[in-house]
Every structure is written in structure tokens, then in C-alpha cells.
mmCIF file of all heavy atoms, coordinates in Angstrom:
data_MODEL
# 
_entry.id   MODEL 
# 
loop_
_atom_site.group_PDB 
_atom_site.id 
_atom_site.type_symbol 
_atom_site.label_atom_id 
_atom_site.label_alt_id 
_atom_site.label_comp_id 
_atom_site.label_asym_id 
_atom_site.label_entity_id 
_atom_site.label_seq_id 
_atom_site.pdbx_PDB_ins_code 
_atom_site.Cartn_x 
_atom_site.Cartn_y 
_atom_site.Cartn_z 
_atom_site.occupancy 
_atom_site.B_iso_or_equiv 
_atom_site.pdbx_formal_charge 
_atom_site.auth_seq_id 
_atom_site.auth_comp_id 
_atom_site.auth_asym_id 
_atom_site.auth_atom_id 
_atom_site.pdbx_PDB_model_num 
ATOM 1   N N   . ALA A 1 1  ? 106.572 93.085  92.342  1.00 0.00 ? 1  ALA A N   1 
ATOM 2   C CA  . ALA A 1 1  ? 107.922 93.184  91.781  1.00 0.00 ? 1  ALA A CA  1 
ATOM 3   C C   . ALA A 1 1  ? 107.971 92.515  90.402  1.00 0.00 ? 1  ALA A C   1 
ATOM 4   O O   . ALA A 1 1  ? 107.624 91.332  90.310  1.00 0.00 ? 1  ALA A O   1 
ATOM 5   C CB  . ALA A 1 1  ? 108.937 92.544  92.712  1.00 0.00 ? 1  ALA A CB  1 
ATOM 6   N N   . PRO A 1 2  ? 108.357 93.230  89.374  1.00 0.00 ? 2  PRO A N   1 
ATOM 7   C CA  . PRO A 1 2  ? 108.402 92.615  88.019  1.00 0.00 ? 2  PRO A CA  1 
ATOM 8   C C   . PRO A 1 2  ? 109.421 91.478  87.906  1.00 0.00 ? 2  PRO A C   1 
ATOM 9   O O   . PRO A 1 2  ? 109.230 90.533  87.129  1.00 0.00 ? 2  PRO A O   1 
ATOM 10  C CB  . PRO A 1 2  ? 108.765 93.788  87.124  1.00 0.00 ? 2  PRO A CB  1 
ATOM 11  C CG  . PRO A 1 2  ? 109.421 94.780  88.006  1.00 0.00 ? 2  PRO A CG  1 
ATOM 12  C CD  . PRO A 1 2  ? 108.783 94.620  89.360  1.00 0.00 ? 2  PRO A CD  1 
ATOM 13  N N   . THR A 1 3  ? 110.490 91.559  88.676  1.00 0.00 ? 3  THR A N   1 
ATOM 14  C CA  . THR A 1 3  ? 111.519 90.513  88.699  1.00 0.00 ? 3  THR A CA  1 
ATOM 15  C C   . THR A 1 3  ? 111.994 90.313  90.141  1.00 0.00 ? 3  THR A C   1 
ATOM 16  O O   . THR A 1 3  ? 111.910 91.231  90.937  1.00 0.00 ? 3  THR A O   1 
ATOM 17  C CB  . THR A 1 3  ? 112.701 90.840  87.812  1.00 0.00 ? 3  THR A CB  1 
ATOM 18  O OG1 . THR A 1 3  ? 113.307 92.086  88.241  1.00 0.00 ? 3  THR A OG1 1 
ATOM 19  C CG2 . THR A 1 3  ? 112.289 90.973  86.355  1.00 0.00 ? 3  THR A CG2 1 
ATOM 20  N N   . ALA A 1 4  ? 112.521 89.149  90.452  1.00 0.00 ? 4  ALA A N   1 
ATOM 21  C CA  . ALA A 1 4  ? 113.091 88.918  91.752  1.00 0.00 ? 4  ALA A CA  1 
ATOM 22  C C   . ALA A 1 4  ? 114.409 89.677  91.884  1.00 0.00 ? 4  ALA A C   1 
ATOM 23  O O   . ALA A 1 4  ? 115.187 89.745  90.937  1.00 0.00 ? 4  ALA A O   1 
ATOM 24  C CB  . ALA A 1 4  ? 113.322 87.427  91.980  1.00 0.00 ? 4  ALA A CB  1 
ATOM 25  N N   . GLY A 1 5  ? 114.626 90.261  93.063  1.00 0.00 ? 5  GLY A N   1 
ATOM 26  C CA  . GLY A 1 5  ? 115.887 90.982  93.252  1.00 0.00 ? 5  GLY A CA  1 
ATOM 27  C C   . GLY A 1 5  ? 115.778 92.008  94.369  1.00 0.00 ? 5  GLY A C   1 
ATOM 28  O O   . GLY A 1 5  ? 114.816 92.024  95.148  1.00 0.00 ? 5  GLY A O   1 
ATOM 29  N N   . LEU A 1 6  ? 116.790 92.863  94.448  1.00 0.00 ? 6  LEU A N   1 
ATOM 30  C CA  . LEU A 1 6  ? 116.850 93.901  95.468  1.00 0.00 ? 6  LEU A CA  1 
ATOM 31  C C   . LEU A 1 6  ? 116.055 95.127  95.053  1.00 0.00 ? 6  LEU A C   1 
ATOM 32  O O   . LEU A 1 6  ? 116.129 95.571  93.926  1.00 0.00 ? 6  LEU A O   1 
ATOM 33  C CB  . LEU A 1 6  ? 118.295 94.273  95.763  1.00 0.00 ? 6  LEU A CB  1 
ATOM 34  C CG  . LEU A 1 6  ? 119.173 93.192  96.428  1.00 0.00 ? 6  LEU A CG  1 
ATOM 35  C CD1 . LEU A 1 6  ? 120.594 93.675  96.485  1.00 0.00 ? 6  LEU A CD1 1 
ATOM 36  C CD2 . LEU A 1 6  ? 118.662 92.858  97.807  1.00 0.00 ? 6  LEU A CD2 1 
ATOM 37  N N   . TYR A 1 7  ? 115.301 95.667  96.022  1.00 0.00 ? 7  TYR A N   1 
ATOM 38  C CA  . TYR A 1 7  ? 114.492 96.850  95.801  1.00 0.00 ? 7  TYR A CA  1 
ATOM 39  C C   . TYR A 1 7  ? 114.730 97.843  96.967  1.00 0.00 ? 7  TYR A C   1 
ATOM 40  O O   . TYR A 1 7  ? 115.021 97.432  98.081  1.00 0.00 ? 7  TYR A O   1 
ATOM 41  C CB  . TYR A 1 7  ? 113.017 96.536  95.708  1.00 0.00 ? 7  TYR A CB  1 
ATOM 42  C CG  . TYR A 1 7  ? 112.650 95.808  94.441  1.00 0.00 ? 7  TYR A CG  1 
ATOM 43  C CD1 . TYR A 1 7  ? 112.926 94.463  94.267  1.00 0.00 ? 7  TYR A CD1 1 
ATOM 44  C CD2 . TYR A 1 7  ? 112.007 96.486  93.375  1.00 0.00 ? 7  TYR A CD2 1 
ATOM 45  C CE1 . TYR A 1 7  ? 112.582 93.786  93.102  1.00 0.00 ? 7  TYR A CE1 1 
ATOM 46  C CE2 . TYR A 1 7  ? 111.659 95.824  92.221  1.00 0.00 ? 7  TYR A CE2 1 
ATOM 47  C CZ  . TYR A 1 7  ? 111.948 94.479  92.059  1.00 0.00 ? 7  TYR A CZ  1 
ATOM 48  O OH  . TYR A 1 7  ? 111.647 93.825  90.904  1.00 0.00 ? 7  TYR A OH  1 
ATOM 49  N N   . THR A 1 8  ? 114.576 99.109  96.660  1.00 0.00 ? 8  THR A N   1 
ATOM 50  C CA  . THR A 1 8  ? 114.607 100.121 97.716  1.00 0.00 ? 8  THR A CA  1 
ATOM 51  C C   . THR A 1 8  ? 113.179 100.337 98.197  1.00 0.00 ? 8  THR A C   1 
ATOM 52  O O   . THR A 1 8  ? 112.285 100.582 97.390  1.00 0.00 ? 8  THR A O   1 
ATOM 53  C CB  . THR A 1 8  ? 115.171 101.452 97.186  1.00 0.00 ? 8  THR A CB  1 
ATOM 54  O OG1 . THR A 1 8  ? 116.532 101.265 96.789  1.00 0.00 ? 8  THR A OG1 1 
ATOM 55  C CG2 . THR A 1 8  ? 115.154 102.521 98.277  1.00 0.00 ? 8  THR A CG2 1 
ATOM 56  N N   . MET A 1 9  ? 112.962 100.234 99.508  1.00 0.00 ? 9  MET A N   1 
ATOM 57  C CA  . MET A 1 9  ? 111.663 100.494 100.088 1.00 0.00 ? 9  MET A CA  1 
ATOM 58  C C   . MET A 1 9  ? 111.772 101.758 100.948 1.00 0.00 ? 9  MET A C   1 
ATOM 59  O O   . MET A 1 9  ? 112.591 101.873 101.832 1.00 0.00 ? 9  MET A O   1 
ATOM 60  C CB  . MET A 1 9  ? 111.185 99.317  100.957 1.00 0.00 ? 9  MET A CB  1 
ATOM 61  C CG  . MET A 1 9  ? 109.825 99.625  101.636 1.00 0.00 ? 9  MET A CG  1 
ATOM 62  S SD  . MET A 1 9  ? 109.103 98.144  102.404 1.00 0.00 ? 9  MET A SD  1 
ATOM 63  C CE  . MET A 1 9  ? 110.231 97.891  103.796 1.00 0.00 ? 9  MET A CE  1 
ATOM 64  N N   . LYS A 1 10 ? 110.912 102.724 100.630 1.00 0.00 ? 10 LYS A N   1 
ATOM 65  C CA  . LYS A 1 10 ? 110.821 103.960 101.412 1.00 0.00 ? 10 LYS A CA  1 
ATOM 66  C C   . LYS A 1 10 ? 109.588 103.854 102.325 1.00 0.00 ? 10 LYS A C   1 
ATOM 67  O O   . LYS A 1 10 ? 108.492 103.614 101.851 1.00 0.00 ? 10 LYS A O   1 
ATOM 68  C CB  . LYS A 1 10 ? 110.725 105.167 100.476 1.00 0.00 ? 10 LYS A CB  1 
ATOM 69  C CG  . LYS A 1 10 ? 110.819 106.498 101.188 1.00 0.00 ? 10 LYS A CG  1 
ATOM 70  C CD  . LYS A 1 10 ? 110.605 107.661 100.210 1.00 0.00 ? 10 LYS A CD  1 
ATOM 71  C CE  . LYS A 1 10 ? 111.676 107.722 99.162  1.00 0.00 ? 10 LYS A CE  1 
ATOM 72  N NZ  . LYS A 1 10 ? 111.484 108.931 98.259  1.00 0.00 ? 10 LYS A NZ  1 
ATOM 73  N N   . ILE A 1 11 ? 109.815 104.031 103.605 1.00 0.00 ? 11 ILE A N   1 
ATOM 74  C CA  . ILE A 1 11 ? 108.738 103.929 104.596 1.00 0.00 ? 11 ILE A CA  1 
ATOM 75  C C   . ILE A 1 11 ? 108.374 105.330 105.074 1.00 0.00 ? 11 ILE A C   1 
ATOM 76  O O   . ILE A 1 11 ? 109.223 106.078 105.561 1.00 0.00 ? 11 ILE A O   1 
ATOM 77  C CB  . ILE A 1 11 ? 109.194 103.080 105.797 1.00 0.00 ? 11 ILE A CB  1 
ATOM 78  C CG1 . ILE A 1 11 ? 109.629 101.672 105.313 1.00 0.00 ? 11 ILE A CG1 1 
ATOM 79  C CG2 . ILE A 1 11 ? 108.092 102.951 106.813 1.00 0.00 ? 11 ILE A CG2 1 
ATOM 80  C CD1 . ILE A 1 11 ? 110.460 100.938 106.297 1.00 0.00 ? 11 ILE A CD1 1 
ATOM 81  N N   . TYR A 1 12 ? 107.119 105.669 104.963 1.00 0.00 ? 12 TYR A N   1 
ATOM 82  C CA  . TYR A 1 12 ? 106.575 106.947 105.454 1.00 0.00 ? 12 TYR A CA  1 
ATOM 83  C C   . TYR A 1 12 ? 105.930 106.689 106.833 1.00 0.00 ? 12 TYR A C   1 
ATOM 84  O O   . TYR A 1 12 ? 104.934 105.989 106.895 1.00 0.00 ? 12 TYR A O   1 
ATOM 85  C CB  . TYR A 1 12 ? 105.549 107.509 104.462 1.00 0.00 ? 12 TYR A CB  1 
ATOM 86  C CG  . TYR A 1 12 ? 106.159 107.912 103.129 1.00 0.00 ? 12 TYR A CG  1 
ATOM 87  C CD1 . TYR A 1 12 ? 106.540 106.943 102.184 1.00 0.00 ? 12 TYR A CD1 1 
ATOM 88  C CD2 . TYR A 1 12 ? 106.351 109.241 102.798 1.00 0.00 ? 12 TYR A CD2 1 
ATOM 89  C CE1 . TYR A 1 12 ? 107.082 107.301 100.950 1.00 0.00 ? 12 TYR A CE1 1 
ATOM 90  C CE2 . TYR A 1 12 ? 106.877 109.610 101.574 1.00 0.00 ? 12 TYR A CE2 1 
ATOM 91  C CZ  . TYR A 1 12 ? 107.249 108.627 100.658 1.00 0.00 ? 12 TYR A CZ  1 
ATOM 92  O OH  . TYR A 1 12 ? 107.793 108.981 99.458  1.00 0.00 ? 12 TYR A OH  1 
ATOM 93  N N   . TYR A 1 13 ? 106.527 107.232 107.868 1.00 0.00 ? 13 TYR A N   1 
ATOM 94  C CA  . TYR A 1 13 ? 106.066 106.904 109.246 1.00 0.00 ? 13 TYR A CA  1 
ATOM 95  C C   . TYR A 1 13 ? 105.872 108.149 110.055 1.00 0.00 ? 13 TYR A C   1 
ATOM 96  O O   . TYR A 1 13 ? 106.339 109.291 109.699 1.00 0.00 ? 13 TYR A O   1 
ATOM 97  C CB  . TYR A 1 13 ? 107.104 105.979 109.887 1.00 0.00 ? 13 TYR A CB  1 
ATOM 98  C CG  . TYR A 1 13 ? 108.380 106.676 110.233 1.00 0.00 ? 13 TYR A CG  1 
ATOM 99  C CD1 . TYR A 1 13 ? 108.631 107.224 111.497 1.00 0.00 ? 13 TYR A CD1 1 
ATOM 100 C CD2 . TYR A 1 13 ? 109.414 106.795 109.279 1.00 0.00 ? 13 TYR A CD2 1 
ATOM 101 C CE1 . TYR A 1 13 ? 109.807 107.878 111.803 1.00 0.00 ? 13 TYR A CE1 1 
ATOM 102 C CE2 . TYR A 1 13 ? 110.587 107.438 109.583 1.00 0.00 ? 13 TYR A CE2 1 
ATOM 103 C CZ  . TYR A 1 13 ? 110.810 107.990 110.859 1.00 0.00 ? 13 TYR A CZ  1 
ATOM 104 O OH  . TYR A 1 13 ? 111.958 108.639 111.135 1.00 0.00 ? 13 TYR A OH  1 
ATOM 105 N N   . LEU A 1 14 ? 105.217 107.996 111.206 1.00 0.00 ? 14 LEU A N   1 
ATOM 106 C CA  . LEU A 1 14 ? 105.024 109.099 112.161 1.00 0.00 ? 14 LEU A CA  1 
ATOM 107 C C   . LEU A 1 14 ? 105.258 108.558 113.554 1.00 0.00 ? 14 LEU A C   1 
ATOM 108 O O   . LEU A 1 14 ? 104.787 107.485 113.934 1.00 0.00 ? 14 LEU A O   1 
ATOM 109 C CB  . LEU A 1 14 ? 103.590 109.645 112.076 1.00 0.00 ? 14 LEU A CB  1 
ATOM 110 C CG  . LEU A 1 14 ? 103.039 110.010 110.686 1.00 0.00 ? 14 LEU A CG  1 
ATOM 111 C CD1 . LEU A 1 14 ? 102.392 108.812 109.990 1.00 0.00 ? 14 LEU A CD1 1 
ATOM 112 C CD2 . LEU A 1 14 ? 102.016 111.154 110.800 1.00 0.00 ? 14 LEU A CD2 1 
ATOM 113 N N   . SER A 1 15 ? 105.996 109.329 114.362 1.00 0.00 ? 15 SER A N   1 
ATOM 114 C CA  . SER A 1 15 ? 106.227 108.920 115.777 1.00 0.00 ? 15 SER A CA  1 
ATOM 115 C C   . SER A 1 15 ? 106.550 110.140 116.623 1.00 0.00 ? 15 SER A C   1 
ATOM 116 O O   . SER A 1 15 ? 107.315 111.016 116.183 1.00 0.00 ? 15 SER A O   1 
ATOM 117 C CB  . SER A 1 15 ? 107.336 107.893 115.855 1.00 0.00 ? 15 SER A CB  1 
ATOM 118 O OG  . SER A 1 15 ? 108.577 108.456 115.457 1.00 0.00 ? 15 SER A OG  1 
ATOM 119 N N   . GLY A 1 16 ? 105.979 110.168 117.797 1.00 0.00 ? 16 GLY A N   1 
ATOM 120 C CA  . GLY A 1 16 ? 106.251 111.216 118.726 1.00 0.00 ? 16 GLY A CA  1 
ATOM 121 C C   . GLY A 1 16 ? 107.294 110.860 119.780 1.00 0.00 ? 16 GLY A C   1 
ATOM 122 O O   . GLY A 1 16 ? 107.672 111.700 120.586 1.00 0.00 ? 16 GLY A O   1 
ATOM 123 N N   . ASP A 1 17 ? 107.746 109.591 119.744 1.00 0.00 ? 17 ASP A N   1 
ATOM 124 C CA  . ASP A 1 17 ? 108.808 109.143 120.647 1.00 0.00 ? 17 ASP A CA  1 
ATOM 125 C C   . ASP A 1 17 ? 109.560 108.028 119.963 1.00 0.00 ? 17 ASP A C   1 
ATOM 126 O O   . ASP A 1 17 ? 109.220 107.605 118.853 1.00 0.00 ? 17 ASP A O   1 
ATOM 127 C CB  . ASP A 1 17 ? 108.205 108.672 121.990 1.00 0.00 ? 17 ASP A CB  1 
ATOM 128 C CG  . ASP A 1 17 ? 107.047 107.706 121.822 1.00 0.00 ? 17 ASP A CG  1 
ATOM 129 O OD1 . ASP A 1 17 ? 107.028 106.975 120.841 1.00 0.00 ? 17 ASP A OD1 1 
ATOM 130 O OD2 . ASP A 1 17 ? 106.138 107.742 122.683 1.00 0.00 ? 17 ASP A OD2 1 
ATOM 131 N N   . GLU A 1 18 ? 110.641 107.544 120.603 1.00 0.00 ? 18 GLU A N   1 
ATOM 132 C CA  . GLU A 1 18 ? 111.482 106.536 119.986 1.00 0.00 ? 18 GLU A CA  1 
ATOM 133 C C   . GLU A 1 18 ? 110.746 105.187 119.999 1.00 0.00 ? 18 GLU A C   1 
ATOM 134 O O   . GLU A 1 18 ? 110.356 104.698 121.033 1.00 0.00 ? 18 GLU A O   1 
ATOM 135 C CB  . GLU A 1 18 ? 112.815 106.420 120.743 1.00 0.00 ? 18 GLU A CB  1 
ATOM 136 C CG  . GLU A 1 18 ? 113.677 107.661 120.588 1.00 0.00 ? 18 GLU A CG  1 
ATOM 137 C CD  . GLU A 1 18 ? 115.030 107.503 121.273 1.00 0.00 ? 18 GLU A CD  1 
ATOM 138 O OE1 . GLU A 1 18 ? 115.219 106.453 121.916 1.00 0.00 ? 18 GLU A OE1 1 
ATOM 139 O OE2 . GLU A 1 18 ? 115.846 108.395 121.168 1.00 0.00 ? 18 GLU A OE2 1 
ATOM 140 N N   . ARG A 1 19 ? 110.596 104.613 118.782 1.00 0.00 ? 19 ARG A N   1 
ATOM 141 C CA  . ARG A 1 19 ? 109.896 103.337 118.653 1.00 0.00 ? 19 ARG A CA  1 
ATOM 142 C C   . ARG A 1 19 ? 110.571 102.485 117.594 1.00 0.00 ? 19 ARG A C   1 
ATOM 143 O O   . ARG A 1 19 ? 111.022 102.969 116.575 1.00 0.00 ? 19 ARG A O   1 
ATOM 144 C CB  . ARG A 1 19 ? 108.442 103.570 118.243 1.00 0.00 ? 19 ARG A CB  1 
ATOM 145 C CG  . ARG A 1 19 ? 107.607 104.329 119.261 1.00 0.00 ? 19 ARG A CG  1 
ATOM 146 C CD  . ARG A 1 19 ? 106.164 104.394 118.864 1.00 0.00 ? 19 ARG A CD  1 
ATOM 147 N NE  . ARG A 1 19 ? 105.351 104.978 119.946 1.00 0.00 ? 19 ARG A NE  1 
ATOM 148 C CZ  . ARG A 1 19 ? 104.015 104.927 120.010 1.00 0.00 ? 19 ARG A CZ  1 
ATOM 149 N NH1 . ARG A 1 19 ? 103.342 104.299 119.046 1.00 0.00 ? 19 ARG A NH1 1 
ATOM 150 N NH2 . ARG A 1 19 ? 103.370 105.495 121.010 1.00 0.00 ? 19 ARG A NH2 1 
ATOM 151 N N   . ASP A 1 20 ? 110.645 101.185 117.889 1.00 0.00 ? 20 ASP A N   1 
ATOM 152 C CA  . ASP A 1 20 ? 111.189 100.233 116.928 1.00 0.00 ? 20 ASP A CA  1 
ATOM 153 C C   . ASP A 1 20 ? 110.039 99.579  116.131 1.00 0.00 ? 20 ASP A C   1 
ATOM 154 O O   . ASP A 1 20 ? 108.904 99.485  116.635 1.00 0.00 ? 20 ASP A O   1 
ATOM 155 C CB  . ASP A 1 20 ? 111.952 99.116  117.650 1.00 0.00 ? 20 ASP A CB  1 
ATOM 156 C CG  . ASP A 1 20 ? 113.164 99.655  118.430 1.00 0.00 ? 20 ASP A CG  1 
ATOM 157 O OD1 . ASP A 1 20 ? 113.721 100.660 118.002 1.00 0.00 ? 20 ASP A OD1 1 
ATOM 158 O OD2 . ASP A 1 20 ? 113.496 99.022  119.448 1.00 0.00 ? 20 ASP A OD2 1 
ATOM 159 N N   . VAL A 1 21 ? 110.343 99.164  114.942 1.00 0.00 ? 21 VAL A N   1 
ATOM 160 C CA  . VAL A 1 21 ? 109.386 98.405  114.152 1.00 0.00 ? 21 VAL A CA  1 
ATOM 161 C C   . VAL A 1 21 ? 110.133 97.279  113.475 1.00 0.00 ? 21 VAL A C   1 
ATOM 162 O O   . VAL A 1 21 ? 111.310 97.405  113.112 1.00 0.00 ? 21 VAL A O   1 
ATOM 163 C CB  . VAL A 1 21 ? 108.673 99.298  113.107 1.00 0.00 ? 21 VAL A CB  1 
ATOM 164 C CG1 . VAL A 1 21 ? 109.645 99.860  112.075 1.00 0.00 ? 21 VAL A CG1 1 
ATOM 165 C CG2 . VAL A 1 21 ? 107.562 98.533  112.407 1.00 0.00 ? 21 VAL A CG2 1 
ATOM 166 N N   . TYR A 1 22 ? 109.485 96.123  113.369 1.00 0.00 ? 22 TYR A N   1 
ATOM 167 C CA  . TYR A 1 22 ? 110.032 94.973  112.672 1.00 0.00 ? 22 TYR A CA  1 
ATOM 168 C C   . TYR A 1 22 ? 109.279 94.771  111.393 1.00 0.00 ? 22 TYR A C   1 
ATOM 169 O O   . TYR A 1 22 ? 108.057 94.918  111.324 1.00 0.00 ? 22 TYR A O   1 
ATOM 170 C CB  . TYR A 1 22 ? 109.944 93.728  113.550 1.00 0.00 ? 22 TYR A CB  1 
ATOM 171 C CG  . TYR A 1 22 ? 110.822 93.782  114.774 1.00 0.00 ? 22 TYR A CG  1 
ATOM 172 C CD1 . TYR A 1 22 ? 110.434 94.486  115.919 1.00 0.00 ? 22 TYR A CD1 1 
ATOM 173 C CD2 . TYR A 1 22 ? 112.067 93.152  114.768 1.00 0.00 ? 22 TYR A CD2 1 
ATOM 174 C CE1 . TYR A 1 22 ? 111.264 94.561  117.043 1.00 0.00 ? 22 TYR A CE1 1 
ATOM 175 C CE2 . TYR A 1 22 ? 112.906 93.219  115.900 1.00 0.00 ? 22 TYR A CE2 1 
ATOM 176 C CZ  . TYR A 1 22 ? 112.470 93.928  117.020 1.00 0.00 ? 22 TYR A CZ  1 
ATOM 177 O OH  . TYR A 1 22 ? 113.308 93.994  118.124 1.00 0.00 ? 22 TYR A OH  1 
ATOM 178 N N   . ILE A 1 23 ? 110.047 94.427  110.339 1.00 0.00 ? 23 ILE A N   1 
ATOM 179 C CA  . ILE A 1 23 ? 109.460 94.320  108.980 1.00 0.00 ? 23 ILE A CA  1 
ATOM 180 C C   . ILE A 1 23 ? 109.765 92.919  108.464 1.00 0.00 ? 23 ILE A C   1 
ATOM 181 O O   . ILE A 1 23 ? 110.925 92.537  108.338 1.00 0.00 ? 23 ILE A O   1 
ATOM 182 C CB  . ILE A 1 23 ? 110.039 95.391  108.063 1.00 0.00 ? 23 ILE A CB  1 
ATOM 183 C CG1 . ILE A 1 23 ? 109.796 96.784  108.662 1.00 0.00 ? 23 ILE A CG1 1 
ATOM 184 C CG2 . ILE A 1 23 ? 109.441 95.279  106.676 1.00 0.00 ? 23 ILE A CG2 1 
ATOM 185 C CD1 . ILE A 1 23 ? 110.656 97.855  108.061 1.00 0.00 ? 23 ILE A CD1 1 
ATOM 186 N N   . SER A 1 24 ? 108.734 92.163  108.153 1.00 0.00 ? 24 SER A N   1 
ATOM 187 C CA  . SER A 1 24 ? 108.859 90.803  107.628 1.00 0.00 ? 24 SER A CA  1 
ATOM 188 C C   . SER A 1 24 ? 108.462 90.787  106.136 1.00 0.00 ? 24 SER A C   1 
ATOM 189 O O   . SER A 1 24 ? 107.359 91.214  105.796 1.00 0.00 ? 24 SER A O   1 
ATOM 190 C CB  . SER A 1 24 ? 108.003 89.842  108.424 1.00 0.00 ? 24 SER A CB  1 
ATOM 191 O OG  . SER A 1 24 ? 107.956 88.563  107.813 1.00 0.00 ? 24 SER A OG  1 
ATOM 192 N N   . ILE A 1 25 ? 109.370 90.285  105.323 1.00 0.00 ? 25 ILE A N   1 
ATOM 193 C CA  . ILE A 1 25 ? 109.086 90.188  103.877 1.00 0.00 ? 25 ILE A CA  1 
ATOM 194 C C   . ILE A 1 25 ? 108.713 88.749  103.558 1.00 0.00 ? 25 ILE A C   1 
ATOM 195 O O   . ILE A 1 25 ? 109.479 87.830  103.801 1.00 0.00 ? 25 ILE A O   1 
ATOM 196 C CB  . ILE A 1 25 ? 110.335 90.590  103.043 1.00 0.00 ? 25 ILE A CB  1 
ATOM 197 C CG1 . ILE A 1 25 ? 110.934 91.915  103.527 1.00 0.00 ? 25 ILE A CG1 1 
ATOM 198 C CG2 . ILE A 1 25 ? 109.998 90.635  101.573 1.00 0.00 ? 25 ILE A CG2 1 
ATOM 199 C CD1 . ILE A 1 25 ? 110.035 93.093  103.357 1.00 0.00 ? 25 ILE A CD1 1 
ATOM 200 N N   . ASN A 1 26 ? 107.505 88.571  103.067 1.00 0.00 ? 26 ASN A N   1 
ATOM 201 C CA  . ASN A 1 26 ? 107.002 87.235  102.685 1.00 0.00 ? 26 ASN A CA  1 
ATOM 202 C C   . ASN A 1 26 ? 107.149 86.193  103.783 1.00 0.00 ? 26 ASN A C   1 
ATOM 203 O O   . ASN A 1 26 ? 107.484 85.058  103.568 1.00 0.00 ? 26 ASN A O   1 
ATOM 204 C CB  . ASN A 1 26 ? 107.766 86.754  101.420 1.00 0.00 ? 26 ASN A CB  1 
ATOM 205 C CG  . ASN A 1 26 ? 107.461 87.584  100.220 1.00 0.00 ? 26 ASN A CG  1 
ATOM 206 O OD1 . ASN A 1 26 ? 106.310 87.965  99.966  1.00 0.00 ? 26 ASN A OD1 1 
ATOM 207 N ND2 . ASN A 1 26 ? 108.492 87.917  99.423  1.00 0.00 ? 26 ASN A ND2 1 
ATOM 208 N N   . GLY A 1 27 ? 106.874 86.649  105.035 1.00 0.00 ? 27 GLY A N   1 
ATOM 209 C CA  . GLY A 1 27 ? 106.858 85.742  106.160 1.00 0.00 ? 27 GLY A CA  1 
ATOM 210 C C   . GLY A 1 27 ? 108.250 85.436  106.695 1.00 0.00 ? 27 GLY A C   1 
ATOM 211 O O   . GLY A 1 27 ? 108.384 84.589  107.635 1.00 0.00 ? 27 GLY A O   1 
# 
């Protein structure tokens, strides 16, 4: 990130059934 702030993250994923995922930014 060139500067600190809010960014849009687009996630490209694949799933054949309903699944949750947890996303941790910098721990």
C-alpha cells in the first residue's frame, strides 16, 4: 500500500458448497 488508508480488496474464490472464511489483516 503506497499510503495508509482504506482499500478495496477483491477476492477470487471457488466453492462447491457454503463455506465461511476469516481474513486477518496484519495479524
